[in-house]
Amino acid sequence: MSNLAANVAETVDEYPESAAIIGDDVELTYEQFWNRAGRFARALHDRGIGEGDRVGIYLPNLPQFVTAFYGTLRAGGIIVPMNPQYKAREIGHLLGDSGAKAVVSLADNVSQVNEVLEDTDVEHVISVGADADGATEFDAFLADEPLETVERADDDVAVQPYTSGTTGTPKGVLLTHENIRWTTHANAEVPHGGFQASDRLVGTLPLFHIYGMSVVMNGAMYSGGTYYPVPEWDATEVMDLLEEADITIMFGVPAMFNDMINHPDADEYEFEALRFVNSGGSSLPLEVLERFEDLYGVELYEGYGLTETSPVTHANRGEARRKGSIGKPLEGVDAKVVTEEFEEVPRVEEGPIDEEEANLHEITGELVVSGPNVMKGYYGLPEANEEAFTEEDGTRWFHTGDVCYWDEDDFFYVVDREKHMIVTGGYNVYPREVEELLFEHEDVADAAVVGVPDARRGETVKAFIVPTPDAEATPEDIREYCLENLAEYKHPREVEFVQELPRTTTGKVQKFKIRDEEQ
């Protein structure tokens, strides 16, 4: 029996007076942070929330997120992280589907929680930032004394993040204590010398996302380093922090690094302490990588992972690095590229290859992975689990949905994504979710959503609308309507009215035709 939080307890014993979290005008030592996490756990326990119960965390990157995260684990609970940009209709599904009994929300977002409360099992709302209607302020919620950490089994669920499937319906991903623990430790070995107690990690990646949670926050807490949570991305503020706080490790998405190299004062910054930088979430343009390295004299590594793999499966590291590749599988992770018949695709001699010259059909297939970091399954969705996994010779392979090729040196290269998924600034957007909202608008007769090229985000969301005959809404009205009901990154930044959408004889929208016209 082993609770994920036990790893942090070991860190606290070793570095009680070291700075654990610095941010939001707060500095907490490991001893102080651990005491608060224990008091949060006790408060849950006193309200009947414990082993196997879900707790939603609906916060940006704040010290309270870290406290609530480990406090929930100490109580034996399961964390349901939620994007603070989500609106009521989005969090309503997450809270309702998970059966969460409590939710920790930014005070400004409590109204969104209250809007869906009657349709959920939530009994307690805790607010961060101020008192809010019907909510208990975070510090007032904490108990007077900490709770001893509740034992949990390695295969018990620790975190239940949500990811959209090809249907656009968010699915709960069951990540166990062993999933998170293993991937955190494995990823912490990627930098030369591994994560160290002297490291200072900047939390630019959102904690509701498994990348920022598992790799950065947990990595810092396990190693005894200092975590600097950043509630909202701002290139100037982060670059100032990197310089002034002598940040040593940064994980980000390509859009962040693109913002940094295009900052008006980019060449005036010196990040002398920065020793390891990693990009994930979506493909990193080679020109961004090389420009970053030229400016700051530190190598920018690229890796790969998914929410379902908690998240990292591949990484470039040290001498095992190849630009344009997602790297090699982490030690302990098995990966291969297969055909639809689940036969291995032949490897190329050495990548990256010239994709315009090569016959991609002959060398590409779907990337499948297996290992201790792969999820237990999707919550309450047996059919989705059946589709997601293939059993072969006693090994359980997870289908990533990404099209890849691999070379004889065991480097992997992603060339495409799932059929319709849009990756914008490192976030996944599934068009159907946006389309379903568009169809609810009285002035929309038909709609299709696709990803179109964007210099900063890689892709951005564009909606093609067939208006009703008496429609009065403008493209700007449609954009605002989506922005009111969806997270900011999901709303269409471009809206175009058209007379009709290209369809097959069976009525399916031919999105490839729409995308081809936008290239």
Protein backbone atom coordinates (compact mmCIF):
# COMPACT_ATOMS: atom_id res chain seq x y z
CA MET A 1 0.00 0.00 0.00
CA SER A 2 1.54 3.31 -1.03
CA ASN A 3 0.03 6.77 -1.46
CA LEU A 4 1.55 9.05 -4.08
CA ALA A 5 1.80 11.72 -1.39
CA ALA A 6 4.28 9.54 0.54
CA ASN A 7 6.99 10.59 -1.92
CA VAL A 8 6.54 14.19 -0.92
CA ALA A 9 6.57 13.27 2.77
CA GLU A 10 10.09 11.94 2.24
CA THR A 11 11.10 15.27 0.66
CA VAL A 12 9.60 17.18 3.58
CA ASP A 13 11.62 15.10 6.04
CA GLU A 14 14.82 15.81 4.12
CA TYR A 15 14.28 19.50 3.28
CA PRO A 16 11.81 20.91 5.87
CA GLU A 17 13.12 24.48 5.75
CA SER A 18 13.73 24.67 1.99
CA ALA A 19 11.40 26.79 -0.16
CA ALA A 20 8.75 24.56 -1.71
CA ILE A 21 6.46 27.11 -3.39
CA ILE A 22 7.05 30.77 -4.23
CA GLY A 23 4.25 32.68 -5.91
CA ASP A 24 1.24 34.94 -5.51
CA ASP A 25 3.09 36.89 -2.79
CA VAL A 26 3.47 33.64 -0.83
CA GLU A 27 6.58 31.67 0.10
CA LEU A 28 6.07 28.31 1.76
CA THR A 29 8.73 25.98 3.10
CA TYR A 30 8.19 22.26 2.67
CA GLU A 31 7.20 21.97 6.31
CA GLN A 32 4.65 24.80 6.01
CA PHE A 33 3.21 23.49 2.74
CA TRP A 34 2.92 19.96 4.09
CA ASN A 35 1.15 21.17 7.20
CA ARG A 36 -1.41 23.03 5.10
CA ALA A 37 -1.93 19.99 2.84
CA GLY A 38 -2.53 17.87 5.96
CA ARG A 39 -5.03 20.38 7.32
CA PHE A 40 -6.84 20.36 3.97
CA ALA A 41 -6.95 16.56 4.18
CA ARG A 42 -8.34 16.72 7.71
CA ALA A 43 -11.02 19.19 6.59
CA LEU A 44 -12.11 16.78 3.85
CA HIS A 45 -12.08 13.87 6.28
CA ASP A 46 -14.20 15.76 8.80
CA ARG A 47 -16.81 16.30 6.08
CA GLY A 48 -16.95 12.64 5.15
CA ILE A 49 -14.76 12.91 2.05
CA GLY A 50 -12.06 10.25 1.91
CA GLU A 51 -10.93 7.10 0.14
CA GLY A 52 -12.02 7.02 -3.51
CA ASP A 53 -14.02 10.26 -3.32
CA ARG A 54 -13.47 12.87 -6.04
CA VAL A 55 -12.49 16.49 -5.40
CA GLY A 56 -12.55 18.99 -8.26
CA ILE A 57 -9.78 21.59 -8.43
CA TYR A 58 -10.94 24.49 -10.60
CA LEU A 59 -7.96 26.82 -10.23
CA PRO A 60 -5.16 28.48 -12.16
CA ASN A 61 -1.56 27.89 -11.03
CA LEU A 62 -1.66 29.04 -7.42
CA PRO A 63 -0.13 27.72 -4.18
CA GLN A 64 -3.65 26.61 -3.16
CA PHE A 65 -3.76 24.23 -6.13
CA VAL A 66 -0.66 22.43 -4.86
CA THR A 67 -2.06 22.34 -1.33
CA ALA A 68 -5.45 21.00 -2.44
CA PHE A 69 -3.82 18.46 -4.75
CA TYR A 70 -1.67 16.83 -2.09
CA GLY A 71 -4.29 17.38 0.59
CA THR A 72 -6.80 15.39 -1.43
CA LEU A 73 -4.26 12.61 -1.93
CA ARG A 74 -3.44 12.56 1.79
CA ALA A 75 -7.15 12.07 2.52
CA GLY A 76 -7.22 9.12 0.10
CA GLY A 77 -9.25 11.05 -2.46
CA ILE A 78 -9.03 11.44 -6.22
CA ILE A 79 -8.29 14.78 -7.89
CA VAL A 80 -10.44 15.97 -10.80
CA PRO A 81 -8.47 18.90 -12.27
CA MET A 82 -10.52 21.41 -14.26
CA ASN A 83 -9.45 24.18 -16.60
CA PRO A 84 -10.20 27.55 -14.91
CA GLN A 85 -11.17 28.88 -18.36
CA TYR A 86 -14.07 26.44 -18.53
CA LYS A 87 -17.60 27.78 -18.32
CA ALA A 88 -20.56 26.23 -16.50
CA ARG A 89 -21.61 23.89 -19.30
CA GLU A 90 -18.09 22.42 -19.42
CA ILE A 91 -17.46 21.95 -15.70
CA GLY A 92 -21.00 20.64 -15.31
CA HIS A 93 -20.08 17.53 -17.27
CA LEU A 94 -16.80 17.00 -15.41
CA LEU A 95 -18.34 17.37 -11.96
CA GLY A 96 -21.43 15.39 -12.83
CA ASP A 97 -19.64 12.54 -14.59
CA SER A 98 -16.96 12.18 -11.89
CA GLY A 99 -19.39 12.42 -8.97
CA ALA A 100 -17.13 14.91 -7.22
CA LYS A 101 -18.22 15.73 -3.67
CA ALA A 102 -16.24 18.95 -3.31
CA VAL A 103 -14.71 21.55 -5.58
CA VAL A 104 -12.01 24.17 -4.97
CA SER A 105 -12.69 27.18 -7.19
CA LEU A 106 -11.31 30.62 -7.81
CA ALA A 107 -13.74 33.03 -6.15
CA ASP A 108 -14.53 34.63 -9.51
CA ASN A 109 -15.58 31.21 -10.86
CA VAL A 110 -17.84 30.15 -7.98
CA SER A 111 -20.84 31.49 -9.90
CA GLN A 112 -20.05 28.97 -12.68
CA VAL A 113 -20.04 26.18 -10.07
CA ASN A 114 -23.30 27.36 -8.51
CA GLU A 115 -24.94 27.34 -11.92
CA VAL A 116 -24.52 23.56 -12.22
CA LEU A 117 -24.56 22.57 -8.54
CA GLU A 118 -28.02 20.99 -8.59
CA ASP A 119 -26.96 18.59 -11.35
CA THR A 120 -23.93 17.29 -9.43
CA ASP A 121 -23.07 15.53 -6.17
CA VAL A 122 -20.98 18.48 -4.97
CA GLU A 123 -21.68 19.23 -1.31
CA HIS A 124 -18.82 21.61 -0.51
CA VAL A 125 -17.46 24.56 -2.50
CA ILE A 126 -14.17 26.11 -1.36
CA SER A 127 -13.21 29.52 -2.76
CA VAL A 128 -9.76 30.97 -3.33
CA GLY A 129 -9.23 34.73 -3.42
CA ALA A 130 -12.24 35.96 -1.46
CA ASP A 131 -15.54 34.95 0.08
CA ALA A 132 -18.04 33.86 -2.52
CA ASP A 133 -21.73 33.01 -2.52
CA GLY A 134 -22.27 29.67 -0.81
CA ALA A 135 -18.56 28.87 -0.66
CA THR A 136 -16.09 28.53 2.22
CA GLU A 137 -12.92 30.59 1.91
CA PHE A 138 -9.85 28.37 1.51
CA ASP A 139 -7.99 29.26 4.73
CA ALA A 140 -11.22 29.08 6.73
CA PHE A 141 -11.83 25.59 5.31
CA LEU A 142 -8.51 24.22 6.64
CA ALA A 143 -8.74 22.19 9.85
CA ASP A 144 -6.66 23.06 12.92
CA GLU A 145 -4.60 19.85 12.77
CA PRO A 146 -3.26 17.79 9.85
CA LEU A 147 -4.48 14.32 8.92
CA GLU A 148 -2.09 11.40 8.67
CA THR A 149 -1.76 10.22 5.07
CA VAL A 150 -4.30 7.52 4.19
CA GLU A 151 -2.80 4.42 2.65
CA ARG A 152 -3.70 3.64 -0.95
CA ALA A 153 -2.73 0.80 -3.29
CA ASP A 154 -0.44 1.39 -6.25
CA ASP A 155 -3.28 0.67 -8.69
CA ASP A 156 -5.80 2.88 -6.90
CA VAL A 157 -6.78 5.97 -8.91
CA ALA A 158 -5.05 9.18 -7.84
CA VAL A 159 -6.03 11.69 -10.54
CA GLN A 160 -8.91 11.80 -13.00
CA PRO A 161 -8.20 14.45 -15.64
CA TYR A 162 -10.54 14.76 -18.60
CA THR A 163 -9.63 14.63 -22.24
CA SER A 164 -11.87 14.90 -25.29
CA GLY A 165 -12.32 11.86 -27.50
CA THR A 166 -13.05 11.78 -31.20
CA THR A 167 -16.73 12.27 -30.36
CA GLY A 168 -15.89 15.53 -28.62
CA THR A 169 -17.29 14.26 -25.31
CA PRO A 170 -14.72 14.68 -22.49
CA LYS A 171 -13.60 11.35 -21.04
CA GLY A 172 -12.29 10.81 -17.53
CA VAL A 173 -8.79 9.32 -17.57
CA LEU A 174 -8.01 7.06 -14.63
CA LEU A 175 -4.40 7.60 -13.58
CA THR A 176 -3.17 5.56 -10.66
CA HIS A 177 -0.73 6.37 -7.87
CA GLU A 178 1.85 4.21 -9.65
CA ASN A 179 1.17 5.86 -13.04
CA ILE A 180 1.93 9.33 -11.70
CA ARG A 181 4.78 8.29 -9.44
CA TRP A 182 6.55 6.35 -12.17
CA THR A 183 6.30 9.00 -14.86
CA THR A 184 7.35 11.78 -12.48
CA HIS A 185 10.49 9.95 -11.43
CA ALA A 186 11.31 8.78 -14.97
CA ASN A 187 10.92 12.28 -16.40
CA ALA A 188 12.99 13.78 -13.57
CA GLU A 189 15.92 11.69 -14.82
CA VAL A 190 15.82 13.24 -18.31
CA PRO A 191 17.94 16.37 -17.59
CA HIS A 192 21.64 15.84 -17.03
CA GLY A 193 22.04 14.97 -13.36
CA GLY A 194 18.27 14.74 -12.92
CA PHE A 195 16.07 17.15 -10.96
CA GLN A 196 17.92 18.41 -7.90
CA ALA A 197 17.02 20.10 -4.62
CA SER A 198 18.79 23.21 -5.87
CA ASP A 199 16.54 23.48 -8.92
CA ARG A 200 13.98 26.22 -9.37
CA LEU A 201 11.17 25.22 -11.74
CA VAL A 202 8.87 27.75 -13.37
CA GLY A 203 5.22 26.64 -13.53
CA THR A 204 4.14 28.10 -16.86
CA LEU A 205 2.25 24.95 -17.82
CA PRO A 206 -1.26 24.84 -16.32
CA LEU A 207 -1.66 22.51 -13.36
CA PHE A 208 -5.05 21.27 -14.54
CA HIS A 209 -3.14 19.67 -17.42
CA ILE A 210 -1.20 16.48 -16.74
CA TYR A 211 1.98 17.93 -18.30
CA GLY A 212 2.25 20.78 -15.80
CA MET A 213 0.93 18.70 -12.91
CA SER A 214 2.91 15.50 -13.25
CA VAL A 215 6.15 16.69 -14.82
CA VAL A 216 6.71 20.12 -13.29
CA MET A 217 4.81 20.38 -9.98
CA ASN A 218 5.37 16.77 -8.91
CA GLY A 219 8.91 16.86 -10.21
CA ALA A 220 9.71 19.82 -7.99
CA MET A 221 7.96 18.37 -4.94
CA TYR A 222 9.68 14.99 -5.29
CA SER A 223 13.17 16.43 -5.71
CA GLY A 224 13.07 19.14 -3.07
CA GLY A 225 13.25 21.91 -5.65
CA THR A 226 11.30 25.18 -5.60
CA TYR A 227 8.14 25.51 -7.67
CA TYR A 228 7.16 28.96 -9.00
CA PRO A 229 3.50 28.77 -10.12
CA VAL A 230 2.55 31.21 -12.90
CA PRO A 231 -1.26 31.75 -13.00
CA GLU A 232 -1.34 33.11 -16.54
CA TRP A 233 1.13 33.11 -19.40
CA ASP A 234 2.72 36.49 -20.05
CA ALA A 235 6.01 36.38 -21.94
CA THR A 236 7.46 39.50 -20.31
CA GLU A 237 6.57 38.43 -16.77
CA VAL A 238 7.93 34.92 -17.26
CA MET A 239 11.13 36.11 -18.91
CA ASP A 240 11.67 38.56 -16.05
CA LEU A 241 11.09 35.71 -13.59
CA LEU A 242 13.52 33.43 -15.40
CA GLU A 243 16.19 36.09 -15.12
CA GLU A 244 15.49 37.49 -11.64
CA ALA A 245 14.77 34.20 -9.82
CA ASP A 246 17.59 32.29 -11.54
CA ILE A 247 15.16 29.66 -12.80
CA THR A 248 16.99 26.45 -13.72
CA ILE A 249 14.28 24.33 -15.41
CA MET A 250 11.45 25.31 -17.74
CA PHE A 251 8.84 23.17 -19.47
CA GLY A 252 6.54 24.80 -22.01
CA VAL A 253 4.62 24.50 -25.27
CA PRO A 254 5.84 25.79 -28.65
CA ALA A 255 3.65 28.92 -28.52
CA MET A 256 5.45 30.03 -25.34
CA PHE A 257 8.90 29.68 -26.87
CA ASN A 258 7.68 31.41 -30.01
CA ASP A 259 6.48 34.35 -27.88
CA MET A 260 9.85 34.51 -26.14
CA ILE A 261 11.96 34.64 -29.28
CA ASN A 262 9.62 37.26 -30.79
CA HIS A 263 9.63 39.43 -27.67
CA PRO A 264 10.76 42.98 -28.56
CA ASP A 265 13.57 42.71 -26.00
CA ALA A 266 14.38 39.05 -26.64
CA ASP A 267 18.09 39.58 -27.18
CA GLU A 268 18.49 41.61 -23.98
CA TYR A 269 17.61 38.75 -21.64
CA GLU A 270 20.25 36.47 -20.16
CA PHE A 271 19.10 33.27 -18.52
CA GLU A 272 22.39 32.31 -16.96
CA ALA A 273 20.96 29.75 -14.51
CA LEU A 274 18.69 27.99 -17.02
CA ARG A 275 20.08 24.48 -17.53
CA PHE A 276 17.20 22.50 -19.03
CA VAL A 277 14.31 23.53 -21.29
CA ASN A 278 11.71 21.19 -22.73
CA SER A 279 8.84 21.61 -25.21
CA GLY A 280 5.76 19.41 -25.53
CA GLY A 281 2.05 19.61 -26.25
CA SER A 282 2.45 19.93 -30.02
CA SER A 283 5.16 19.85 -32.66
CA LEU A 284 7.96 22.35 -32.13
CA PRO A 285 8.95 24.22 -35.31
CA LEU A 286 12.64 23.77 -36.01
CA GLU A 287 13.13 27.49 -36.58
CA VAL A 288 11.74 28.26 -33.11
CA LEU A 289 14.04 25.69 -31.53
CA GLU A 290 17.15 27.00 -33.26
CA ARG A 291 16.33 30.66 -32.67
CA PHE A 292 15.76 29.98 -28.95
CA GLU A 293 19.07 28.17 -28.66
CA ASP A 294 20.91 30.94 -30.53
CA LEU A 295 19.45 33.60 -28.26
CA TYR A 296 19.91 31.96 -24.88
CA GLY A 297 22.66 29.40 -25.27
CA VAL A 298 20.66 26.53 -23.77
CA GLU A 299 19.41 23.49 -25.65
CA LEU A 300 15.66 23.21 -26.15
CA TYR A 301 14.56 19.59 -26.04
CA GLU A 302 11.37 18.13 -27.46
CA GLY A 303 9.34 15.32 -25.91
CA TYR A 304 6.00 13.60 -26.34
CA GLY A 305 3.15 12.34 -24.22
CA LEU A 306 -0.57 12.14 -23.69
CA THR A 307 -2.96 12.57 -20.80
CA GLU A 308 -3.58 8.82 -20.99
CA THR A 309 0.14 8.14 -20.46
CA SER A 310 0.47 10.51 -17.49
CA PRO A 311 1.99 12.02 -19.77
CA VAL A 312 5.57 11.48 -21.00
CA THR A 313 6.45 8.47 -23.17
CA HIS A 314 9.30 9.86 -25.31
CA ALA A 315 12.02 12.44 -24.78
CA ASN A 316 15.19 13.80 -26.28
CA ARG A 317 17.90 13.93 -23.64
CA GLY A 318 21.62 14.49 -23.30
CA GLU A 319 23.49 12.88 -26.16
CA ALA A 320 20.35 10.96 -27.21
CA ARG A 321 18.92 13.87 -29.14
CA ARG A 322 17.75 14.33 -32.68
CA LYS A 323 16.13 17.56 -33.85
CA GLY A 324 12.73 17.01 -35.44
CA SER A 325 12.16 13.87 -33.37
CA ILE A 326 10.07 13.37 -30.24
CA GLY A 327 13.02 11.37 -28.97
CA LYS A 328 13.36 7.84 -27.68
CA PRO A 329 10.95 6.06 -25.32
CA LEU A 330 11.67 6.57 -21.64
CA GLU A 331 13.32 3.58 -20.02
CA GLY A 332 10.53 1.17 -19.09
CA VAL A 333 8.20 2.35 -21.88
CA ASP A 334 7.68 0.17 -24.95
CA ALA A 335 6.63 1.83 -28.19
CA LYS A 336 6.25 0.84 -31.80
CA VAL A 337 4.63 1.97 -35.03
CA VAL A 338 1.99 -0.37 -36.41
CA THR A 339 -0.35 -0.81 -39.35
CA GLU A 340 -4.13 -1.16 -39.06
CA GLU A 341 -3.51 -4.91 -38.83
CA PHE A 342 -1.20 -4.27 -35.86
CA GLU A 343 1.92 -5.32 -37.73
CA GLU A 344 5.13 -3.35 -37.16
CA VAL A 345 5.93 -0.76 -39.82
CA PRO A 346 9.52 -1.06 -41.14
CA ARG A 347 11.94 1.48 -39.69
CA VAL A 348 13.80 4.04 -41.75
CA GLU A 349 17.58 3.96 -41.47
CA GLU A 350 17.87 7.37 -39.83
CA GLY A 351 15.47 10.28 -39.39
CA PRO A 352 14.28 12.84 -39.87
CA ILE A 353 13.58 12.03 -43.48
CA ASP A 354 12.47 14.40 -46.23
CA GLU A 355 8.72 13.89 -45.93
CA GLU A 356 8.07 15.44 -49.34
CA GLU A 357 10.43 12.98 -51.02
CA ALA A 358 9.49 9.87 -49.02
CA ASN A 359 6.49 7.63 -49.53
CA LEU A 360 4.92 8.23 -46.12
CA HIS A 361 2.31 5.56 -46.71
CA GLU A 362 5.04 2.90 -46.66
CA ILE A 363 6.90 4.09 -43.56
CA THR A 364 4.18 5.48 -41.28
CA GLY A 365 1.61 3.95 -39.00
CA GLU A 366 0.00 4.53 -35.63
CA LEU A 367 2.16 5.00 -32.55
CA VAL A 368 1.21 2.55 -29.79
CA VAL A 369 2.76 2.47 -26.33
CA SER A 370 2.85 0.26 -23.26
CA GLY A 371 4.31 0.79 -19.82
CA PRO A 372 3.76 1.59 -16.15
CA ASN A 373 2.66 5.13 -17.06
CA VAL A 374 -0.31 4.07 -19.21
CA MET A 375 -3.73 4.79 -17.70
CA LYS A 376 -5.92 2.23 -16.01
CA GLY A 377 -8.67 3.16 -18.47
CA TYR A 378 -11.42 5.66 -19.20
CA TYR A 379 -13.92 6.20 -16.40
CA GLY A 380 -17.18 4.34 -16.99
CA LEU A 381 -16.57 3.85 -20.72
CA PRO A 382 -15.96 0.15 -21.49
CA GLU A 383 -16.44 0.60 -25.23
CA ALA A 384 -13.87 3.42 -25.35
CA ASN A 385 -11.44 1.23 -23.41
CA GLU A 386 -11.92 -1.59 -25.86
CA GLU A 387 -11.06 0.74 -28.74
CA ALA A 388 -8.10 2.30 -26.93
CA PHE A 389 -6.19 -0.90 -26.18
CA THR A 390 -4.90 -3.95 -28.02
CA GLU A 391 -3.69 -7.04 -26.15
CA GLU A 392 -0.81 -8.88 -27.79
CA ASP A 393 1.29 -11.62 -26.24
CA GLY A 394 0.40 -10.48 -22.75
CA THR A 395 1.19 -6.81 -23.42
CA ARG A 396 -1.50 -4.12 -23.26
CA TRP A 397 -0.84 -1.54 -25.98
CA PHE A 398 -2.45 1.90 -25.95
CA HIS A 399 -3.40 3.48 -29.27
CA THR A 400 -2.23 7.11 -29.36
CA GLY A 401 -4.05 8.01 -32.58
CA ASP A 402 -0.88 9.74 -33.84
CA VAL A 403 0.72 8.86 -37.15
CA CYS A 404 4.47 8.27 -36.87
CA TYR A 405 7.56 6.70 -38.32
CA TRP A 406 10.63 5.43 -36.45
CA ASP A 407 14.25 4.82 -37.25
CA GLU A 408 16.83 2.14 -36.49
CA ASP A 409 18.23 4.20 -33.60
CA ASP A 410 14.80 4.08 -31.89
CA PHE A 411 13.95 7.73 -32.47
CA PHE A 412 10.29 8.43 -33.25
CA TYR A 413 8.80 11.14 -35.49
CA VAL A 414 5.18 12.35 -35.43
CA VAL A 415 3.89 13.40 -38.84
CA ASP A 416 0.16 13.79 -38.21
CA ARG A 417 -2.52 13.70 -35.53
CA GLU A 418 -5.90 12.16 -35.04
CA LYS A 419 -8.19 12.78 -37.94
CA HIS A 420 -9.86 16.00 -36.87
CA MET A 421 -8.22 17.08 -33.65
CA ILE A 422 -6.93 20.66 -33.53
CA VAL A 423 -3.87 21.44 -31.40
CA THR A 424 -3.75 25.15 -30.67
CA GLY A 425 -1.04 26.52 -28.39
CA GLY A 426 -0.55 23.07 -26.88
CA TYR A 427 -4.26 22.54 -26.11
CA ASN A 428 -6.38 19.88 -27.81
CA VAL A 429 -9.65 21.04 -29.33
CA TYR A 430 -12.13 18.60 -30.82
CA PRO A 431 -14.33 20.27 -33.45
CA ARG A 432 -17.53 18.43 -32.62
CA GLU A 433 -17.76 20.06 -29.19
CA VAL A 434 -17.64 23.50 -30.82
CA GLU A 435 -19.98 22.43 -33.62
CA GLU A 436 -22.60 21.18 -31.17
CA LEU A 437 -22.62 24.57 -29.49
CA LEU A 438 -22.88 26.34 -32.86
CA PHE A 439 -25.90 24.25 -33.81
CA GLU A 440 -27.64 25.54 -30.68
CA HIS A 441 -27.51 29.09 -32.09
CA GLU A 442 -30.79 30.08 -33.74
CA ASP A 443 -29.03 31.69 -36.71
CA VAL A 444 -26.89 28.65 -37.60
CA ALA A 445 -28.22 26.18 -40.14
CA ASP A 446 -25.05 24.18 -40.61
CA ALA A 447 -21.50 24.34 -39.27
CA ALA A 448 -18.06 22.80 -39.55
CA VAL A 449 -14.99 23.54 -37.48
CA VAL A 450 -11.41 22.90 -38.60
CA GLY A 451 -7.90 23.85 -37.65
CA VAL A 452 -6.12 26.35 -39.87
CA PRO A 453 -2.43 27.35 -39.81
CA ASP A 454 -1.46 29.98 -37.25
CA ALA A 455 2.05 31.42 -36.93
CA ARG A 456 1.98 31.60 -33.13
CA ARG A 457 -0.25 28.72 -32.02
CA GLY A 458 0.56 26.21 -34.75
CA GLU A 459 -3.14 25.95 -35.49
CA THR A 460 -6.16 28.01 -34.63
CA VAL A 461 -9.87 27.23 -34.66
CA LYS A 462 -11.97 28.35 -37.62
CA ALA A 463 -15.72 27.90 -38.01
CA PHE A 464 -17.55 27.74 -41.34
CA ILE A 465 -21.20 28.68 -40.88
CA VAL A 466 -24.18 28.23 -43.16
CA PRO A 467 -26.61 30.83 -41.76
CA THR A 468 -30.38 30.43 -41.64
CA PRO A 469 -32.30 32.47 -44.27
CA ASP A 470 -33.37 35.09 -41.72
CA ALA A 471 -30.11 35.14 -39.77
CA GLU A 472 -29.10 38.43 -38.18
CA ALA A 473 -25.93 37.33 -36.39
CA THR A 474 -22.58 38.51 -37.72
CA PRO A 475 -19.31 36.50 -37.62
CA GLU A 476 -18.32 38.61 -34.61
CA ASP A 477 -21.59 37.71 -32.87
CA ILE A 478 -20.81 34.01 -33.40
CA ARG A 479 -17.32 34.44 -31.98
CA GLU A 480 -18.66 36.17 -28.87
CA TYR A 481 -21.35 33.52 -28.43
CA CYS A 482 -18.70 30.78 -28.41
CA LEU A 483 -16.44 32.77 -26.12
CA GLU A 484 -19.27 33.07 -23.58
CA ASN A 485 -19.85 29.32 -23.52
CA LEU A 486 -16.44 27.74 -24.09
CA ALA A 487 -12.92 28.06 -22.79
CA GLU A 488 -11.08 30.86 -24.55
CA TYR A 489 -8.70 28.59 -26.46
CA LYS A 490 -11.62 26.59 -27.92
CA HIS A 491 -13.59 29.46 -29.43
CA PRO A 492 -13.24 30.10 -33.18
CA ARG A 493 -10.88 33.00 -33.74
CA GLU A 494 -12.07 33.01 -37.32
CA VAL A 495 -15.67 32.67 -38.52
CA GLU A 496 -16.66 32.55 -42.16
CA PHE A 497 -20.20 32.46 -43.53
CA VAL A 498 -20.63 30.15 -46.55
CA GLN A 499 -23.55 29.05 -48.71
CA GLU A 500 -22.94 25.32 -48.20
CA LEU A 501 -20.45 22.81 -46.84
CA PRO A 502 -18.84 20.13 -49.00
CA ARG A 503 -20.33 16.73 -48.12
CA THR A 504 -20.06 13.12 -49.21
CA THR A 505 -23.02 11.26 -50.64
CA THR A 506 -23.68 9.91 -47.15
CA GLY A 507 -23.85 13.42 -45.72
CA LYS A 508 -20.47 13.64 -43.99
CA VAL A 509 -18.70 16.98 -44.17
CA GLN A 510 -15.49 16.69 -46.20
CA LYS A 511 -13.24 18.63 -43.85
CA PHE A 512 -10.12 17.84 -45.84
CA LYS A 513 -11.52 19.95 -48.67
CA ILE A 514 -12.12 22.86 -46.30
CA ARG A 515 -8.62 22.57 -44.84
CA ASP A 516 -6.99 22.29 -48.26
CA GLU A 517 -8.62 25.57 -49.32
CA GLU A 518 -7.17 27.27 -46.22
CA GLN A 519 -3.55 26.22 -46.83
